[in-house]
Amino acid sequence: MKLKAFKRIMIFDRKNSEQRIDNFLINKFKNLSKIMIYCLLRKGKIRVNLKRVKPKYKLQFEDKIYTNISSNLKKKLKIILILIKYFF
């Protein structure tokens, strides 16, 4: 996977330092399920400082969070969210 394909989505600040990456992403992206966030972390689609991290990684001051989510995955996520809203 090319590192150039990754896009920086946010820079982590001090107010939530020492917070686990999975909990941070769950709070930040409430429309994504926990399973989806764990899956993206495991596959390396979400990285910290361009390195793969495990869900238990604790964020540090000035960590940069990158993502490489394809447009197909974004479309699937939108469809899933629409179905969830419709049925629940």
C-alpha atoms as a PDB file:
ATOM      1  CA  MET A   1       0.000   0.000   0.000  1.00  0.00           C
ATOM      2  CA  LYS A   2       1.416   3.362  -0.949  1.00  0.00           C
ATOM      3  CA  LEU A   3       1.828   5.860   1.859  1.00  0.00           C
ATOM      4  CA  LYS A   4       1.026   8.688  -0.562  1.00  0.00           C
ATOM      5  CA  ALA A   5      -2.557   7.439  -0.696  1.00  0.00           C
ATOM      6  CA  PHE A   6      -3.100   8.352   2.955  1.00  0.00           C
ATOM      7  CA  LYS A   7      -4.806  11.627   3.831  1.00  0.00           C
ATOM      8  CA  ARG A   8      -4.317  13.379   7.160  1.00  0.00           C
ATOM      9  CA  ILE A   9      -7.665  13.809   8.818  1.00  0.00           C
ATOM     10  CA  MET A  10      -6.712  15.367  12.151  1.00  0.00           C
ATOM     11  CA  ILE A  11      -3.930  16.358  14.489  1.00  0.00           C
ATOM     12  CA  PHE A  12      -4.372  15.147  18.016  1.00  0.00           C
ATOM     13  CA  ASP A  13      -4.143  17.802  20.739  1.00  0.00           C
ATOM     14  CA  ARG A  14      -3.447  17.812  24.485  1.00  0.00           C
ATOM     15  CA  LYS A  15      -6.975  17.841  25.831  1.00  0.00           C
ATOM     16  CA  ASN A  16      -7.469  14.099  25.261  1.00  0.00           C
ATOM     17  CA  SER A  17      -3.903  12.843  25.541  1.00  0.00           C
ATOM     18  CA  GLU A  18      -3.411   9.309  26.804  1.00  0.00           C
ATOM     19  CA  GLN A  19      -6.773   8.324  25.326  1.00  0.00           C
ATOM     20  CA  ARG A  20      -6.952   5.087  23.386  1.00  0.00           C
ATOM     21  CA  ILE A  21      -7.242   5.463  19.619  1.00  0.00           C
ATOM     22  CA  ASP A  22     -10.340   3.259  19.421  1.00  0.00           C
ATOM     23  CA  ASN A  23     -12.221   5.277  22.051  1.00  0.00           C
ATOM     24  CA  PHE A  24     -11.163   8.552  20.426  1.00  0.00           C
ATOM     25  CA  LEU A  25     -12.434   7.442  17.009  1.00  0.00           C
ATOM     26  CA  ILE A  26     -15.672   6.068  18.470  1.00  0.00           C
ATOM     27  CA  ASN A  27     -16.366   9.433  20.109  1.00  0.00           C
ATOM     28  CA  LYS A  28     -15.293  11.427  17.041  1.00  0.00           C
ATOM     29  CA  PHE A  29     -17.212   9.417  14.427  1.00  0.00           C
ATOM     30  CA  LYS A  30     -20.475   8.484  16.106  1.00  0.00           C
ATOM     31  CA  ASN A  31     -21.965   7.343  12.797  1.00  0.00           C
ATOM     32  CA  LEU A  32     -19.450   4.467  12.499  1.00  0.00           C
ATOM     33  CA  SER A  33     -19.905   1.295  14.502  1.00  0.00           C
ATOM     34  CA  LYS A  34     -17.237  -0.001  16.859  1.00  0.00           C
ATOM     35  CA  ILE A  35     -16.816  -3.061  14.671  1.00  0.00           C
ATOM     36  CA  MET A  36     -16.112  -0.891  11.612  1.00  0.00           C
ATOM     37  CA  ILE A  37     -13.530   1.200  13.502  1.00  0.00           C
ATOM     38  CA  TYR A  38     -11.762  -1.924  14.810  1.00  0.00           C
ATOM     39  CA  CYS A  39     -11.792  -3.419  11.319  1.00  0.00           C
ATOM     40  CA  LEU A  40     -10.265  -0.264   9.792  1.00  0.00           C
ATOM     41  CA  LEU A  41      -7.556  -0.196  12.480  1.00  0.00           C
ATOM     42  CA  ARG A  42      -6.740  -3.892  11.985  1.00  0.00           C
ATOM     43  CA  LYS A  43      -6.492  -3.533   8.215  1.00  0.00           C
ATOM     44  CA  GLY A  44      -4.237  -0.484   8.545  1.00  0.00           C
ATOM     45  CA  LYS A  45      -6.732   1.883   6.896  1.00  0.00           C
ATOM     46  CA  ILE A  46      -6.394   4.242   9.882  1.00  0.00           C
ATOM     47  CA  ARG A  47      -2.854   5.019  11.008  1.00  0.00           C
ATOM     48  CA  VAL A  48      -1.140   7.237  13.549  1.00  0.00           C
ATOM     49  CA  ASN A  49       1.968   9.058  12.308  1.00  0.00           C
ATOM     50  CA  LEU A  50       1.788   6.827   9.185  1.00  0.00           C
ATOM     51  CA  LYS A  51       2.293   3.695  11.300  1.00  0.00           C
ATOM     52  CA  ARG A  52      -0.160   0.892  11.902  1.00  0.00           C
ATOM     53  CA  VAL A  53      -1.403   0.854  15.462  1.00  0.00           C
ATOM     54  CA  LYS A  54      -3.480  -1.481  17.554  1.00  0.00           C
ATOM     55  CA  PRO A  55      -6.764  -0.341  19.083  1.00  0.00           C
ATOM     56  CA  LYS A  56      -5.154  -0.122  22.508  1.00  0.00           C
ATOM     57  CA  TYR A  57      -2.602   2.489  21.315  1.00  0.00           C
ATOM     58  CA  LYS A  58      -2.706   5.598  23.516  1.00  0.00           C
ATOM     59  CA  LEU A  59      -2.600   8.880  21.648  1.00  0.00           C
ATOM     60  CA  GLN A  60       0.174  11.347  22.441  1.00  0.00           C
ATOM     61  CA  PHE A  61       0.377  15.114  22.002  1.00  0.00           C
ATOM     62  CA  GLU A  62       0.684  16.120  18.308  1.00  0.00           C
ATOM     63  CA  ASP A  63      -0.026  12.647  16.932  1.00  0.00           C
ATOM     64  CA  LYS A  64      -1.287  12.811  13.371  1.00  0.00           C
ATOM     65  CA  ILE A  65      -4.113  10.491  12.394  1.00  0.00           C
ATOM     66  CA  TYR A  66      -4.234   9.404   8.737  1.00  0.00           C
ATOM     67  CA  THR A  67      -6.814   7.462   6.779  1.00  0.00           C
ATOM     68  CA  ASN A  68      -6.869   5.569   3.513  1.00  0.00           C
ATOM     69  CA  ILE A  69     -10.525   4.776   3.057  1.00  0.00           C
ATOM     70  CA  SER A  70     -11.454   4.168  -0.558  1.00  0.00           C
ATOM     71  CA  SER A  71     -14.481   5.743  -2.188  1.00  0.00           C
ATOM     72  CA  ASN A  72     -16.085   2.284  -2.453  1.00  0.00           C
ATOM     73  CA  LEU A  73     -15.864   1.847   1.300  1.00  0.00           C
ATOM     74  CA  LYS A  74     -17.295   5.333   1.842  1.00  0.00           C
ATOM     75  CA  LYS A  75     -20.258   4.419  -0.394  1.00  0.00           C
ATOM     76  CA  LYS A  76     -20.801   1.177   1.538  1.00  0.00           C
ATOM     77  CA  LEU A  77     -20.712   3.067   4.837  1.00  0.00           C
ATOM     78  CA  LYS A  78     -23.304   5.543   3.583  1.00  0.00           C
ATOM     79  CA  ILE A  79     -25.590   2.709   2.453  1.00  0.00           C
ATOM     80  CA  ILE A  80     -25.211   0.953   5.810  1.00  0.00           C
ATOM     81  CA  LEU A  81     -26.047   4.169   7.671  1.00  0.00           C
ATOM     82  CA  ILE A  82     -29.135   4.749   5.526  1.00  0.00           C
ATOM     83  CA  LEU A  83     -30.328   1.184   6.154  1.00  0.00           C
ATOM     84  CA  ILE A  84     -29.741   1.526   9.892  1.00  0.00           C
ATOM     85  CA  LYS A  85     -31.705   4.793  10.027  1.00  0.00           C
ATOM     86  CA  TYR A  86     -34.510   3.288   7.962  1.00  0.00           C
ATOM     87  CA  PHE A  87     -34.944   0.082   9.969  1.00  0.00           C
ATOM     88  CA  PHE A  88     -34.203   1.403  13.431  1.00  0.00           C
END
